[in-house]
Amino acid sequence: MSIIRGAMVLAIRRGGASISVDDLRDAVGAYALRVSFLDRNPFA
């Protein structure tokens, strides 16, 4: 799953009309850091 798609899912779950920085931060944490795609979260 892409980071943007993950952020979109998080935005929909919280009832948001758009993707926020918090959604991106959480999506990066849930995906990219877990699979060692990134060393740090640029949104944190």
Protein backbone atom coordinates (compact mmCIF):
# COMPACT_ATOMS: atom_id res chain seq x y z
CA MET A 1 0.00 0.00 0.00
CA SER A 2 1.34 3.43 -0.83
CA ILE A 3 1.87 6.08 1.82
CA ILE A 4 -0.68 8.39 0.20
CA ARG A 5 -3.29 5.63 0.06
CA GLY A 6 -2.66 4.85 3.72
CA ALA A 7 -3.03 8.52 4.60
CA MET A 8 -6.27 8.66 2.62
CA VAL A 9 -7.67 5.73 4.60
CA LEU A 10 -6.74 7.46 7.86
CA ALA A 11 -8.37 10.71 6.70
CA ILE A 12 -11.59 8.89 5.78
CA ARG A 13 -11.65 7.07 9.13
CA ARG A 14 -11.43 10.35 11.03
CA GLY A 15 -14.10 11.91 8.80
CA GLY A 16 -11.76 14.39 7.16
CA ALA A 17 -12.34 15.99 3.79
CA SER A 18 -8.62 15.98 2.95
CA ILE A 19 -5.34 14.38 3.98
CA SER A 20 -3.63 16.21 6.82
CA VAL A 21 0.01 16.23 7.88
CA ASP A 22 -1.01 14.05 10.83
CA ASP A 23 -2.47 11.50 8.40
CA LEU A 24 0.78 11.49 6.43
CA ARG A 25 2.85 11.16 9.60
CA ASP A 26 0.79 8.21 10.80
CA ALA A 27 0.85 6.53 7.38
CA VAL A 28 4.64 6.85 7.17
CA GLY A 29 4.91 5.43 10.68
CA ALA A 30 2.63 2.53 9.89
CA TYR A 31 4.23 1.60 6.58
CA ALA A 32 7.56 3.10 5.54
CA LEU A 33 9.32 2.93 8.89
CA ARG A 34 8.02 -0.56 9.59
CA VAL A 35 9.45 -1.99 6.38
CA SER A 36 12.69 0.05 6.72
CA PHE A 37 11.90 2.10 3.63
CA LEU A 38 12.87 5.25 5.54
CA ASP A 39 15.16 5.87 8.50
CA ARG A 40 13.08 8.69 9.94
CA ASN A 41 9.61 10.12 9.54
CA PRO A 42 9.83 13.48 7.70
CA PHE A 43 6.36 14.43 8.95
CA ALA A 44 7.20 13.95 12.65
